[in-house]
PDB file of N, CA and C in Angstrom:
ATOM      1  N   MET A   1      -6.039 -68.210 -12.975  1.00  0.00           N
ATOM      2  CA  MET A   1      -6.893 -68.952 -13.874  1.00  0.00           C
ATOM      3  C   MET A   1      -6.089 -69.445 -15.092  1.00  0.00           C
ATOM      4  N   ASN A   2      -5.189 -68.602 -15.579  1.00  0.00           N
ATOM      5  CA  ASN A   2      -4.367 -69.019 -16.726  1.00  0.00           C
ATOM      6  C   ASN A   2      -3.475 -70.194 -16.373  1.00  0.00           C
ATOM      7  N   LEU A   3      -2.933 -70.180 -15.162  1.00  0.00           N
ATOM      8  CA  LEU A   3      -2.093 -71.298 -14.728  1.00  0.00           C
ATOM      9  C   LEU A   3      -2.922 -72.577 -14.652  1.00  0.00           C
ATOM     10  N   ALA A   4      -4.117 -72.499 -14.104  1.00  0.00           N
ATOM     11  CA  ALA A   4      -4.982 -73.680 -14.008  1.00  0.00           C
ATOM     12  C   ALA A   4      -5.277 -74.234 -15.403  1.00  0.00           C
ATOM     13  N   ARG A   5      -5.573 -73.344 -16.346  1.00  0.00           N
ATOM     14  CA  ARG A   5      -5.823 -73.783 -17.720  1.00  0.00           C
ATOM     15  C   ARG A   5      -4.584 -74.473 -18.289  1.00  0.00           C
ATOM     16  N   SER A   6      -3.414 -73.907 -18.043  1.00  0.00           N
ATOM     17  CA  SER A   6      -2.167 -74.506 -18.535  1.00  0.00           C
ATOM     18  C   SER A   6      -1.948 -75.893 -17.947  1.00  0.00           C
ATOM     19  N   ILE A   7      -2.245 -76.036 -16.673  1.00  0.00           N
ATOM     20  CA  ILE A   7      -2.068 -77.342 -16.014  1.00  0.00           C
ATOM     21  C   ILE A   7      -3.021 -78.373 -16.607  1.00  0.00           C
ATOM     22  N   TYR A   8      -4.265 -77.985 -16.847  1.00  0.00           N
ATOM     23  CA  TYR A   8      -5.212 -78.901 -17.476  1.00  0.00           C
ATOM     24  C   TYR A   8      -4.729 -79.328 -18.857  1.00  0.00           C
ATOM     25  N   GLN A   9      -4.234 -78.379 -19.639  1.00  0.00           N
ATOM     26  CA  GLN A   9      -3.729 -78.708 -20.971  1.00  0.00           C
ATOM     27  C   GLN A   9      -2.513 -79.621 -20.876  1.00  0.00           C
ATOM     28  N   LEU A  10      -1.636 -79.333 -19.952  1.00  0.00           N
ATOM     29  CA  LEU A  10      -0.426 -80.134 -19.781  1.00  0.00           C
ATOM     30  C   LEU A  10      -0.747 -81.556 -19.338  1.00  0.00           C
ATOM     31  N   THR A  11      -1.639 -81.695 -18.364  1.00  0.00           N
ATOM     32  CA  THR A  11      -1.946 -83.040 -17.848  1.00  0.00           C
ATOM     33  C   THR A  11      -2.693 -83.896 -18.862  1.00  0.00           C
ATOM     34  N   ASN A  12      -3.242 -83.284 -19.893  1.00  0.00           N
ATOM     35  CA  ASN A  12      -3.865 -84.080 -20.969  1.00  0.00           C
ATOM     36  C   ASN A  12      -2.842 -84.917 -21.715  1.00  0.00           C
ATOM     37  N   THR A  13      -1.557 -84.580 -21.568  1.00  0.00           N
ATOM     38  CA  THR A  13      -0.498 -85.329 -22.243  1.00  0.00           C
ATOM     39  C   THR A  13       0.107 -86.422 -21.351  1.00  0.00           C
ATOM     40  N   PHE A  14      -0.283 -86.470 -20.090  1.00  0.00           N
ATOM     41  CA  PHE A  14       0.267 -87.448 -19.142  1.00  0.00           C
ATOM     42  C   PHE A  14      -0.327 -88.836 -19.404  1.00  0.00           C
ATOM     43  N   PRO A  15       0.348 -89.886 -18.908  1.00  0.00           N
ATOM     44  CA  PRO A  15      -0.257 -91.223 -18.981  1.00  0.00           C
ATOM     45  C   PRO A  15      -1.660 -91.187 -18.364  1.00  0.00           C
ATOM     46  N   ARG A  16      -2.586 -91.791 -19.011  1.00  0.00           N
ATOM     47  CA  ARG A  16      -4.009 -91.612 -18.727  1.00  0.00           C
ATOM     48  C   ARG A  16      -4.428 -91.818 -17.279  1.00  0.00           C
ATOM     49  N   TYR A  17      -3.927 -92.793 -16.603  1.00  0.00           N
ATOM     50  CA  TYR A  17      -4.431 -93.113 -15.266  1.00  0.00           C
ATOM     51  C   TYR A  17      -3.471 -92.768 -14.141  1.00  0.00           C
ATOM     52  N   ASP A  18      -2.542 -91.892 -14.382  1.00  0.00           N
ATOM     53  CA  ASP A  18      -1.607 -91.509 -13.330  1.00  0.00           C
ATOM     54  C   ASP A  18      -2.324 -90.627 -12.305  1.00  0.00           C
ATOM     55  N   ALA A  19      -2.184 -90.949 -11.040  1.00  0.00           N
ATOM     56  CA  ALA A  19      -2.870 -90.226  -9.959  1.00  0.00           C
ATOM     57  C   ALA A  19      -2.417 -88.778  -9.847  1.00  0.00           C
ATOM     58  N   ILE A  20      -1.247 -88.467 -10.355  1.00  0.00           N
ATOM     59  CA  ILE A  20      -0.743 -87.101 -10.242  1.00  0.00           C
ATOM     60  C   ILE A  20      -1.593 -86.115 -11.052  1.00  0.00           C
ATOM     61  N   ILE A  21      -2.300 -86.600 -12.060  1.00  0.00           N
ATOM     62  CA  ILE A  21      -3.144 -85.716 -12.880  1.00  0.00           C
ATOM     63  C   ILE A  21      -4.177 -85.019 -12.001  1.00  0.00           C
ATOM     64  N   ASN A  22      -4.929 -85.795 -11.257  1.00  0.00           N
ATOM     65  CA  ASN A  22      -5.961 -85.236 -10.379  1.00  0.00           C
ATOM     66  C   ASN A  22      -5.351 -84.308  -9.336  1.00  0.00           C
ATOM     67  N   GLN A  23      -4.236 -84.710  -8.763  1.00  0.00           N
ATOM     68  CA  GLN A  23      -3.578 -83.909  -7.735  1.00  0.00           C
ATOM     69  C   GLN A  23      -3.130 -82.557  -8.286  1.00  0.00           C
ATOM     70  N   MET A  24      -2.543 -82.564  -9.470  1.00  0.00           N
ATOM     71  CA  MET A  24      -2.075 -81.318 -10.076  1.00  0.00           C
ATOM     72  C   MET A  24      -3.242 -80.410 -10.447  1.00  0.00           C
ATOM     73  N   GLN A  25      -4.279 -81.000 -10.999  1.00  0.00           N
ATOM     74  CA  GLN A  25      -5.437 -80.197 -11.373  1.00  0.00           C
ATOM     75  C   GLN A  25      -6.086 -79.570 -10.146  1.00  0.00           C
ATOM     76  N   ARG A  26      -6.209 -80.340  -9.080  1.00  0.00           N
ATOM     77  CA  ARG A  26      -6.806 -79.817  -7.849  1.00  0.00           C
ATOM     78  C   ARG A  26      -5.942 -78.707  -7.251  1.00  0.00           C
ATOM     79  N   ALA A  27      -4.620 -78.895  -7.261  1.00  0.00           N
ATOM     80  CA  ALA A  27      -3.722 -77.868  -6.731  1.00  0.00           C
ATOM     81  C   ALA A  27      -3.797 -76.597  -7.567  1.00  0.00           C
ATOM     82  N   ALA A  28      -3.887 -76.749  -8.876  1.00  0.00           N
ATOM     83  CA  ALA A  28      -3.979 -75.577  -9.761  1.00  0.00           C
ATOM     84  C   ALA A  28      -5.289 -74.824  -9.552  1.00  0.00           C
ATOM     85  N   ILE A  29      -6.370 -75.551  -9.383  1.00  0.00           N
ATOM     86  CA  ILE A  29      -7.674 -74.925  -9.152  1.00  0.00           C
ATOM     87  C   ILE A  29      -7.716 -74.247  -7.791  1.00  0.00           C
ATOM     88  N   SER A  30      -6.992 -74.795  -6.829  1.00  0.00           N
ATOM     89  CA  SER A  30      -7.049 -74.244  -5.470  1.00  0.00           C
ATOM     90  C   SER A  30      -6.484 -72.829  -5.383  1.00  0.00           C
ATOM     91  N   ILE A  31      -5.589 -72.467  -6.289  1.00  0.00           N
ATOM     92  CA  ILE A  31      -4.995 -71.130  -6.223  1.00  0.00           C
ATOM     93  C   ILE A  31      -6.062 -70.053  -6.431  1.00  0.00           C
ATOM     94  N   PRO A  32      -6.727 -70.007  -7.583  1.00  0.00           N
ATOM     95  CA  PRO A  32      -7.746 -68.964  -7.732  1.00  0.00           C
ATOM     96  C   PRO A  32      -8.952 -69.173  -6.827  1.00  0.00           C
ATOM     97  N   SER A  33      -9.278 -70.432  -6.526  1.00  0.00           N
ATOM     98  CA  SER A  33     -10.429 -70.707  -5.663  1.00  0.00           C
ATOM     99  C   SER A  33     -10.216 -70.178  -4.251  1.00  0.00           C
ATOM    100  N   ASN A  34      -9.038 -70.408  -3.691  1.00  0.00           N
ATOM    101  CA  ASN A  34      -8.748 -69.923  -2.341  1.00  0.00           C
ATOM    102  C   ASN A  34      -8.639 -68.406  -2.298  1.00  0.00           C
ATOM    103  N   ILE A  35      -8.117 -67.818  -3.347  1.00  0.00           N
ATOM    104  CA  ILE A  35      -8.061 -66.359  -3.400  1.00  0.00           C
ATOM    105  C   ILE A  35      -9.481 -65.795  -3.394  1.00  0.00           C
ATOM    106  N   ALA A  36     -10.339 -66.358  -4.230  1.00  0.00           N
ATOM    107  CA  ALA A  36     -11.726 -65.877  -4.305  1.00  0.00           C
ATOM    108  C   ALA A  36     -12.464 -66.100  -2.987  1.00  0.00           C
ATOM    109  N   GLU A  37     -12.340 -67.298  -2.430  1.00  0.00           N
ATOM    110  CA  GLU A  37     -13.047 -67.583  -1.179  1.00  0.00           C
ATOM    111  C   GLU A  37     -12.488 -66.769  -0.024  1.00  0.00           C
ATOM    112  N   GLY A  38     -11.187 -66.638   0.051  1.00  0.00           N
ATOM    113  CA  GLY A  38     -10.567 -65.874   1.131  1.00  0.00           C
ATOM    114  C   GLY A  38     -10.927 -64.407   1.092  1.00  0.00           C
ATOM    115  N   SER A  39     -11.117 -63.880  -0.105  1.00  0.00           N
ATOM    116  CA  SER A  39     -11.435 -62.455  -0.218  1.00  0.00           C
ATOM    117  C   SER A  39     -12.794 -62.112   0.375  1.00  0.00           C
ATOM    118  N   SER A  40     -13.641 -63.120   0.521  1.00  0.00           N
ATOM    119  CA  SER A  40     -14.965 -62.866   1.093  1.00  0.00           C
ATOM    120  C   SER A  40     -14.978 -63.006   2.614  1.00  0.00           C
ATOM    121  N   ARG A  41     -13.862 -63.332   3.201  1.00  0.00           N
ATOM    122  CA  ARG A  41     -13.776 -63.487   4.652  1.00  0.00           C
ATOM    123  C   ARG A  41     -13.800 -62.139   5.340  1.00  0.00           C
ATOM    124  N   ILE A  42     -14.250 -62.165   6.574  1.00  0.00           N
ATOM    125  CA  ILE A  42     -14.412 -60.921   7.340  1.00  0.00           C
ATOM    126  C   ILE A  42     -13.071 -60.323   7.735  1.00  0.00           C
ATOM    127  N   SER A  43     -12.159 -61.158   8.187  1.00  0.00           N
ATOM    128  CA  SER A  43     -10.898 -60.620   8.704  1.00  0.00           C
ATOM    129  C   SER A  43      -9.758 -60.805   7.700  1.00  0.00           C
ATOM    130  N   THR A  44      -8.787 -59.922   7.784  1.00  0.00           N
ATOM    131  CA  THR A  44      -7.612 -60.038   6.925  1.00  0.00           C
ATOM    132  C   THR A  44      -6.765 -61.245   7.317  1.00  0.00           C
ATOM    133  N   THR A  45      -6.829 -61.654   8.579  1.00  0.00           N
ATOM    134  CA  THR A  45      -6.100 -62.843   9.028  1.00  0.00           C
ATOM    135  C   THR A  45      -6.634 -64.083   8.319  1.00  0.00           C
ATOM    136  N   GLU A  46      -7.962 -64.189   8.234  1.00  0.00           N
ATOM    137  CA  GLU A  46      -8.561 -65.315   7.521  1.00  0.00           C
ATOM    138  C   GLU A  46      -8.190 -65.290   6.040  1.00  0.00           C
ATOM    139  N   PHE A  47      -8.258 -64.109   5.445  1.00  0.00           N
ATOM    140  CA  PHE A  47      -7.914 -63.961   4.041  1.00  0.00           C
ATOM    141  C   PHE A  47      -6.472 -64.394   3.805  1.00  0.00           C
ATOM    142  N   ALA A  48      -5.565 -63.959   4.658  1.00  0.00           N
ATOM    143  CA  ALA A  48      -4.154 -64.327   4.529  1.00  0.00           C
ATOM    144  C   ALA A  48      -3.978 -65.838   4.618  1.00  0.00           C
ATOM    145  N   ARG A  49      -4.729 -66.473   5.491  1.00  0.00           N
ATOM    146  CA  ARG A  49      -4.641 -67.935   5.641  1.00  0.00           C
ATOM    147  C   ARG A  49      -5.076 -68.638   4.349  1.00  0.00           C
ATOM    148  N   TYR A  50      -6.134 -68.167   3.736  1.00  0.00           N
ATOM    149  CA  TYR A  50      -6.583 -68.754   2.468  1.00  0.00           C
ATOM    150  C   TYR A  50      -5.521 -68.581   1.387  1.00  0.00           C
ATOM    151  N   LEU A  51      -4.861 -67.446   1.381  1.00  0.00           N
ATOM    152  CA  LEU A  51      -3.799 -67.221   0.405  1.00  0.00           C
ATOM    153  C   LEU A  51      -2.632 -68.181   0.642  1.00  0.00           C
ATOM    154  N   GLU A  52      -2.309 -68.431   1.902  1.00  0.00           N
ATOM    155  CA  GLU A  52      -1.227 -69.370   2.228  1.00  0.00           C
ATOM    156  C   GLU A  52      -1.569 -70.777   1.752  1.00  0.00           C
ATOM    157  N   ILE A  53      -2.806 -71.170   1.919  1.00  0.00           N
ATOM    158  CA  ILE A  53      -3.246 -72.510   1.521  1.00  0.00           C
ATOM    159  C   ILE A  53      -3.185 -72.695   0.009  1.00  0.00           C
ATOM    160  N   SER A  54      -3.350 -71.607  -0.725  1.00  0.00           N
ATOM    161  CA  SER A  54      -3.462 -71.707  -2.179  1.00  0.00           C
ATOM    162  C   SER A  54      -2.187 -72.158  -2.878  1.00  0.00           C
ATOM    163  N   VAL A  55      -1.053 -72.102  -2.214  1.00  0.00           N
ATOM    164  CA  VAL A  55       0.222 -72.453  -2.859  1.00  0.00           C
ATOM    165  C   VAL A  55       0.577 -73.901  -2.551  1.00  0.00           C
ATOM    166  N   GLY A  56       0.936 -74.675  -3.567  1.00  0.00           N
ATOM    167  CA  GLY A  56       1.339 -76.054  -3.326  1.00  0.00           C
ATOM    168  C   GLY A  56       1.482 -76.880  -4.589  1.00  0.00           C
ATOM    169  N   LEU A  57       1.456 -76.258  -5.720  1.00  0.00           N
ATOM    170  CA  LEU A  57       1.511 -76.963  -6.999  1.00  0.00           C
ATOM    171  C   LEU A  57       2.928 -77.348  -7.408  1.00  0.00           C
ATOM    172  N   GLU A  58       3.904 -76.642  -6.912  1.00  0.00           N
ATOM    173  CA  GLU A  58       5.275 -76.832  -7.383  1.00  0.00           C
ATOM    174  C   GLU A  58       5.794 -78.260  -7.158  1.00  0.00           C
ATOM    175  N   THR A  59       5.394 -78.894  -6.081  1.00  0.00           N
ATOM    176  CA  THR A  59       5.848 -80.260  -5.798  1.00  0.00           C
ATOM    177  C   THR A  59       5.414 -81.223  -6.893  1.00  0.00           C
ATOM    178  N   GLN A  60       4.148 -81.108  -7.318  1.00  0.00           N
ATOM    179  CA  GLN A  60       3.660 -81.997  -8.374  1.00  0.00           C
ATOM    180  C   GLN A  60       4.352 -81.713  -9.712  1.00  0.00           C
ATOM    181  N   ILE A  61       4.658 -80.452  -9.959  1.00  0.00           N
ATOM    182  CA  ILE A  61       5.374 -80.103 -11.192  1.00  0.00           C
ATOM    183  C   ILE A  61       6.765 -80.738 -11.173  1.00  0.00           C
ATOM    184  N   GLU A  62       7.439 -80.624 -10.040  1.00  0.00           N
ATOM    185  CA  GLU A  62       8.786 -81.212  -9.914  1.00  0.00           C
ATOM    186  C   GLU A  62       8.744 -82.729 -10.138  1.00  0.00           C
ATOM    187  N   LEU A  63       7.785 -83.400  -9.523  1.00  0.00           N
ATOM    188  CA  LEU A  63       7.678 -84.851  -9.685  1.00  0.00           C
ATOM    189  C   LEU A  63       7.370 -85.219 -11.130  1.00  0.00           C
ATOM    190  N   SER A  64       6.464 -84.489 -11.747  1.00  0.00           N
ATOM    191  CA  SER A  64       6.120 -84.759 -13.152  1.00  0.00           C
ATOM    192  C   SER A  64       7.330 -84.577 -14.062  1.00  0.00           C
ATOM    193  N   TYR A  65       8.136 -83.590 -13.743  1.00  0.00           N
ATOM    194  CA  TYR A  65       9.352 -83.355 -14.524  1.00  0.00           C
ATOM    195  C   TYR A  65      10.341 -84.508 -14.324  1.00  0.00           C
ATOM    196  N   MET A  66      10.490 -84.942 -13.084  1.00  0.00           N
ATOM    197  CA  MET A  66      11.390 -86.071 -12.793  1.00  0.00           C
ATOM    198  C   MET A  66      10.933 -87.349 -13.506  1.00  0.00           C
ATOM    199  N   LEU A  67       9.618 -87.520 -13.646  1.00  0.00           N
ATOM    200  CA  LEU A  67       9.064 -88.697 -14.322  1.00  0.00           C
ATOM    201  C   LEU A  67       9.067 -88.548 -15.845  1.00  0.00           C
ATOM    202  N   LYS A  68       9.574 -87.413 -16.321  1.00  0.00           N
ATOM    203  CA  LYS A  68       9.656 -87.111 -17.757  1.00  0.00           C
ATOM    204  C   LYS A  68       8.284 -86.932 -18.406  1.00  0.00           C
ATOM    205  N   TYR A  69       7.299 -86.522 -17.610  1.00  0.00           N
ATOM    206  CA  TYR A  69       5.977 -86.201 -18.152  1.00  0.00           C
ATOM    207  C   TYR A  69       5.968 -84.788 -18.729  1.00  0.00           C
ATOM    208  N   ILE A  70       6.907 -83.964 -18.284  1.00  0.00           N
ATOM    209  CA  ILE A  70       6.983 -82.571 -18.701  1.00  0.00           C
ATOM    210  C   ILE A  70       8.341 -82.326 -19.357  1.00  0.00           C
ATOM    211  N   ASN A  71       8.331 -81.690 -20.497  1.00  0.00           N
ATOM    212  CA  ASN A  71       9.604 -81.382 -21.163  1.00  0.00           C
ATOM    213  C   ASN A  71      10.233 -80.132 -20.542  1.00  0.00           C
ATOM    214  N   ASP A  72      11.456 -79.868 -20.915  1.00  0.00           N
ATOM    215  CA  ASP A  72      12.214 -78.756 -20.333  1.00  0.00           C
ATOM    216  C   ASP A  72      11.529 -77.405 -20.526  1.00  0.00           C
ATOM    217  N   ASN A  73      11.037 -77.143 -21.727  1.00  0.00           N
ATOM    218  CA  ASN A  73      10.410 -75.842 -22.006  1.00  0.00           C
ATOM    219  C   ASN A  73       9.153 -75.637 -21.173  1.00  0.00           C
ATOM    220  N   ASP A  74       8.281 -76.653 -21.125  1.00  0.00           N
ATOM    221  CA  ASP A  74       7.056 -76.537 -20.326  1.00  0.00           C
ATOM    222  C   ASP A  74       7.389 -76.391 -18.847  1.00  0.00           C
ATOM    223  N   TYR A  75       8.361 -77.152 -18.396  1.00  0.00           N
ATOM    224  CA  TYR A  75       8.776 -77.081 -16.997  1.00  0.00           C
ATOM    225  C   TYR A  75       9.242 -75.663 -16.639  1.00  0.00           C
ATOM    226  N   ASP A  76      10.142 -75.125 -17.445  1.00  0.00           N
ATOM    227  CA  ASP A  76      10.668 -73.779 -17.178  1.00  0.00           C
ATOM    228  C   ASP A  76       9.556 -72.740 -17.161  1.00  0.00           C
ATOM    229  N   SER A  77       8.672 -72.816 -18.118  1.00  0.00           N
ATOM    230  CA  SER A  77       7.581 -71.857 -18.217  1.00  0.00           C
ATOM    231  C   SER A  77       6.639 -71.937 -17.020  1.00  0.00           C
ATOM    232  N   ILE A  78       6.262 -73.140 -16.646  1.00  0.00           N
ATOM    233  CA  ILE A  78       5.322 -73.309 -15.526  1.00  0.00           C
ATOM    234  C   ILE A  78       5.971 -72.922 -14.206  1.00  0.00           C
ATOM    235  N   ILE A  79       7.200 -73.309 -13.993  1.00  0.00           N
ATOM    236  CA  ILE A  79       7.888 -72.962 -12.752  1.00  0.00           C
ATOM    237  C   ILE A  79       8.036 -71.444 -12.631  1.00  0.00           C
ATOM    238  N   LYS A  80       8.370 -70.774 -13.712  1.00  0.00           N
ATOM    239  CA  LYS A  80       8.461 -69.309 -13.669  1.00  0.00           C
ATOM    240  C   LYS A  80       7.113 -68.696 -13.308  1.00  0.00           C
ATOM    241  N   ASN A  81       6.056 -69.213 -13.896  1.00  0.00           N
ATOM    242  CA  ASN A  81       4.713 -68.720 -13.614  1.00  0.00           C
ATOM    243  C   ASN A  81       4.335 -68.958 -12.150  1.00  0.00           C
ATOM    244  N   ILE A  82       4.590 -70.148 -11.654  1.00  0.00           N
ATOM    245  CA  ILE A  82       4.291 -70.475 -10.255  1.00  0.00           C
ATOM    246  C   ILE A  82       5.097 -69.584  -9.320  1.00  0.00           C
ATOM    247  N   ASN A  83       6.386 -69.425  -9.591  1.00  0.00           N
ATOM    248  CA  ASN A  83       7.224 -68.585  -8.738  1.00  0.00           C
ATOM    249  C   ASN A  83       6.743 -67.137  -8.723  1.00  0.00           C
ATOM    250  N   SER A  84       6.312 -66.650  -9.868  1.00  0.00           N
ATOM    251  CA  SER A  84       5.775 -65.293  -9.938  1.00  0.00           C
ATOM    252  C   SER A  84       4.504 -65.170  -9.088  1.00  0.00           C
ATOM    253  N   ILE A  85       3.623 -66.133  -9.208  1.00  0.00           N
ATOM    254  CA  ILE A  85       2.389 -66.123  -8.413  1.00  0.00           C
ATOM    255  C   ILE A  85       2.716 -66.211  -6.926  1.00  0.00           C
ATOM    256  N   GLU A  86       3.632 -67.089  -6.562  1.00  0.00           N
ATOM    257  CA  GLU A  86       4.014 -67.242  -5.152  1.00  0.00           C
ATOM    258  C   GLU A  86       4.611 -65.957  -4.587  1.00  0.00           C
ATOM    259  N   ARG A  87       5.446 -65.283  -5.358  1.00  0.00           N
ATOM    260  CA  ARG A  87       6.030 -64.013  -4.896  1.00  0.00           C
ATOM    261  C   ARG A  87       4.949 -62.968  -4.657  1.00  0.00           C
ATOM    262  N   ARG A  88       4.014 -62.874  -5.600  1.00  0.00           N
ATOM    263  CA  ARG A  88       2.934 -61.891  -5.453  1.00  0.00           C
ATOM    264  C   ARG A  88       2.028 -62.232  -4.272  1.00  0.00           C
ATOM    265  N   LEU A  89       1.723 -63.508  -4.104  1.00  0.00           N
ATOM    266  CA  LEU A  89       0.895 -63.902  -2.965  1.00  0.00           C
ATOM    267  C   LEU A  89       1.615 -63.657  -1.647  1.00  0.00           C
ATOM    268  N   SER A  90       2.894 -63.973  -1.613  1.00  0.00           N
ATOM    269  CA  SER A  90       3.675 -63.757  -0.401  1.00  0.00           C
ATOM    270  C   SER A  90       3.696 -62.284  -0.020  1.00  0.00           C
ATOM    271  N   SER A  91       3.896 -61.440  -1.002  1.00  0.00           N
ATOM    272  CA  SER A  91       3.893 -59.995  -0.753  1.00  0.00           C
ATOM    273  C   SER A  91       2.531 -59.537  -0.247  1.00  0.00           C
ATOM    274  N   PHE A  92       1.477 -60.043  -0.843  1.00  0.00           N
ATOM    275  CA  PHE A  92       0.123 -59.683  -0.435  1.00  0.00           C
ATOM    276  C   PHE A  92      -0.162 -60.173   0.976  1.00  0.00           C
ATOM    277  N   ILE A  93       0.270 -61.386   1.298  1.00  0.00           N
ATOM    278  CA  ILE A  93       0.076 -61.940   2.658  1.00  0.00           C
ATOM    279  C   ILE A  93       0.777 -61.071   3.678  1.00  0.00           C
ATOM    280  N   LYS A  94       2.018 -60.673   3.392  1.00  0.00           N
ATOM    281  CA  LYS A  94       2.768 -59.813   4.319  1.00  0.00           C
ATOM    282  C   LYS A  94       2.035 -58.498   4.541  1.00  0.00           C
ATOM    283  N   LYS A  95       1.511 -57.949   3.457  1.00  0.00           N
ATOM    284  CA  LYS A  95       0.777 -56.696   3.565  1.00  0.00           C
ATOM    285  C   LYS A  95      -0.492 -56.870   4.421  1.00  0.00           C
ATOM    286  N   LEU A  96      -1.195 -57.970   4.225  1.00  0.00           N
ATOM    287  CA  LEU A  96      -2.404 -58.226   5.025  1.00  0.00           C
ATOM    288  C   LEU A  96      -2.067 -58.415   6.502  1.00  0.00           C
ATOM    289  N   ARG A  97      -0.964 -59.096   6.761  1.00  0.00           N
ATOM    290  CA  ARG A  97      -0.583 -59.382   8.151  1.00  0.00           C
ATOM    291  C   ARG A  97      -0.120 -58.134   8.910  1.00  0.00           C
ATOM    292  N   THR A  98       0.306 -57.103   8.192  1.00  0.00           N
ATOM    293  CA  THR A  98       0.767 -55.874   8.873  1.00  0.00           C
ATOM    294  C   THR A  98      -0.338 -54.852   9.041  1.00  0.00           C
ATOM    295  N   GLN A  99      -1.527 -55.146   8.569  1.00  0.00           N
ATOM    296  CA  GLN A  99      -2.646 -54.198   8.717  1.00  0.00           C
ATOM    297  C   GLN A  99      -3.270 -54.300  10.083  1.00  0.00           C
TER     298      GLN A  99
END
């Protein structure tokens, strides 16, 4: 949820009508949304699949950085946060798949 809030705050600084704004916001929202929805699934396989789907924001961050929409400090901070979330999700997925 904190990452999604950060993405919303960050995209408020982007050029107003750039399509990447919507894409980034949707990708950021999908992380906690897929975790919440997947947790209500009956099987751990389904839950793991929802967790896999939740990751995908890094591409938009990279493009925004290349377009100079994101400064170095914001880029570093967000990428570290995304990588941390991805590592934790990956570990959780592995644990679910071995049950």
